[in-house]
Amino acid sequence: MMEFSCPTITGTLPSPRSWHASTVLPRQRIFVHGGYDGNQILTDSFVFDIGEFILYVLGKHEQFSMNSLYGNACTVKAPIIRHPQDQKMAGV
C-alpha cells in the first residue's frame, strides 16, 4: 500500500510559477529556471536535490531569457554552484 509523506525541505523555496524550464541533472537533482508568476517574467534559477531535500538558489539573471517562457533549459547559462558532494557543478 502506498503512503504519502511530507518531508522537510531546507533552502529557499521558489515562488509559485508556470511556463518555467526544468531538467533532470545527475545525482538526483532537478534544475528549474524562470517562468511566469501571473504578473511578471521570472529569471531566477534553482537546483533541487531530491535525495537530500535541499534547494540551492543560483540567483536571478539580469538579462531576460526567452527560455524562461519556452521551456528550453539546455541553453540557459547558469553560474557555477558549490555542492557539498561535488565541489563544482556547472550550470546547464
Protein backbone atom coordinates (compact mmCIF):
# COMPACT_ATOMS: atom_id res chain seq x y z
CA MET A 1 0.00 0.00 0.00
CA MET A 2 1.32 3.45 -0.92
CA GLU A 3 1.86 6.03 1.81
CA PHE A 4 2.31 9.76 1.45
CA SER A 5 4.76 11.83 3.44
CA CYS A 6 5.65 15.48 3.81
CA PRO A 7 9.45 15.71 4.08
CA THR A 8 11.17 18.78 5.48
CA ILE A 9 12.82 20.78 2.71
CA THR A 10 15.70 23.12 3.51
CA GLY A 11 16.70 26.13 1.45
CA THR A 12 14.69 28.91 -0.13
CA LEU A 13 11.51 27.76 -1.87
CA PRO A 14 10.89 29.28 -5.31
CA SER A 15 7.76 31.36 -5.77
CA PRO A 16 4.80 29.67 -7.49
CA ARG A 17 5.18 29.78 -11.27
CA SER A 18 4.17 28.43 -14.64
CA TRP A 19 5.95 28.39 -18.02
CA HIS A 20 9.28 27.54 -16.35
CA ALA A 21 12.05 25.37 -17.73
CA SER A 22 13.30 22.36 -15.81
CA THR A 23 15.57 19.41 -16.44
CA VAL A 24 16.90 16.42 -14.52
CA LEU A 25 20.57 16.59 -13.50
CA PRO A 26 22.88 13.81 -12.34
CA ARG A 27 22.87 12.70 -8.67
CA GLN A 28 19.13 13.13 -8.05
CA ARG A 29 18.92 16.85 -8.80
CA ILE A 30 16.47 18.98 -10.76
CA PHE A 31 17.32 22.35 -12.34
CA VAL A 32 14.50 24.95 -12.56
CA HIS A 33 14.79 28.25 -14.44
CA GLY A 34 12.49 31.21 -14.92
CA GLY A 35 8.81 31.17 -15.67
CA TYR A 36 5.86 33.46 -15.11
CA ASP A 37 4.04 34.14 -11.83
CA GLY A 38 0.93 35.76 -13.32
CA ASN A 39 2.35 39.28 -13.03
CA GLN A 40 5.95 39.19 -14.18
CA ILE A 41 8.53 37.12 -16.01
CA LEU A 42 10.84 35.31 -13.58
CA THR A 43 14.54 34.90 -14.36
CA ASP A 44 15.74 33.07 -11.25
CA SER A 45 17.30 29.59 -11.15
CA PHE A 46 17.28 26.81 -8.56
CA VAL A 47 18.66 23.31 -8.13
CA PHE A 48 16.61 20.90 -6.02
CA ASP A 49 18.44 17.92 -4.55
CA ILE A 50 15.65 15.34 -4.29
CA GLY A 51 17.87 12.88 -2.41
CA GLU A 52 18.66 15.33 0.41
CA PHE A 53 15.56 17.60 0.10
CA ILE A 54 17.69 20.74 -0.26
CA LEU A 55 17.04 23.72 -2.56
CA TYR A 56 20.04 25.68 -3.84
CA VAL A 57 19.43 29.19 -5.19
CA LEU A 58 21.55 30.04 -8.23
CA GLY A 59 20.25 33.59 -8.36
CA LYS A 60 18.46 35.91 -10.74
CA HIS A 61 19.73 36.53 -14.22
CA GLU A 62 19.73 40.21 -15.16
CA GLN A 63 19.27 39.53 -18.85
CA PHE A 64 15.80 38.35 -19.85
CA SER A 65 15.80 34.92 -21.43
CA MET A 66 13.06 33.71 -23.74
CA ASN A 67 13.97 30.24 -22.46
CA SER A 68 12.21 31.13 -19.22
CA LEU A 69 8.94 31.14 -21.17
CA TYR A 70 9.53 28.41 -23.73
CA GLY A 71 10.95 25.64 -21.54
CA ASN A 72 14.38 25.03 -23.05
CA ALA A 73 16.73 24.69 -20.08
CA CYS A 74 19.53 23.34 -22.26
CA THR A 75 20.57 26.80 -23.46
CA VAL A 76 20.36 28.67 -20.16
CA LYS A 77 23.73 29.93 -18.94
CA ALA A 78 23.82 29.44 -15.17
CA PRO A 79 26.65 30.18 -12.76
CA ILE A 80 28.78 27.52 -11.10
CA ILE A 81 27.38 26.44 -7.75
CA ARG A 82 29.11 24.83 -4.82
CA HIS A 83 27.65 21.44 -3.89
CA PRO A 84 28.76 19.60 -0.75
CA GLN A 85 29.47 16.34 -2.63
CA ASP A 86 30.79 17.72 -5.90
CA GLN A 87 32.70 20.91 -5.01
CA LYS A 88 31.73 22.13 -8.51
CA MET A 89 28.68 21.62 -10.66
CA ALA A 90 28.44 23.54 -13.89
CA GLY A 91 25.03 25.02 -14.67
CA VAL A 92 23.07 23.68 -17.61
